[in-house]
Amino acid sequence: MDELIEQLKVQIIEQLNLEDMEPGDIDPDDPLFGNGLGLDSIDALELIVLLEKEYGIKIENPKDGQKIFYSIRSMANFISERQK
């Protein structure tokens, strides 16, 4: 799980062009939106693309997005569950 979390940090930094950030700057439990990383709705679309492209996972119910993309750890849990 820790490996997946670190991988996600790198992928998110690359996908969202967060040039000023390092993977170590991101707490896996911090919210991705709002007070955490401060991502917005366009970033959310980029994260959906990342899941589809890198992990072959489609989000069936858009309402699940808020829970899935709460933090990097919640994304990692979602990916792990789908890859079993």
Foldseek 3Di string as FASTA:
>chain_A
DVVQLLVVLVVLCVLVVVVVDDSVVADQQAFCDDPHVNDDPVSLVSVQVCCCVVQVDHDPDPVCSCQCRRGSVSVSVVSVVVVD
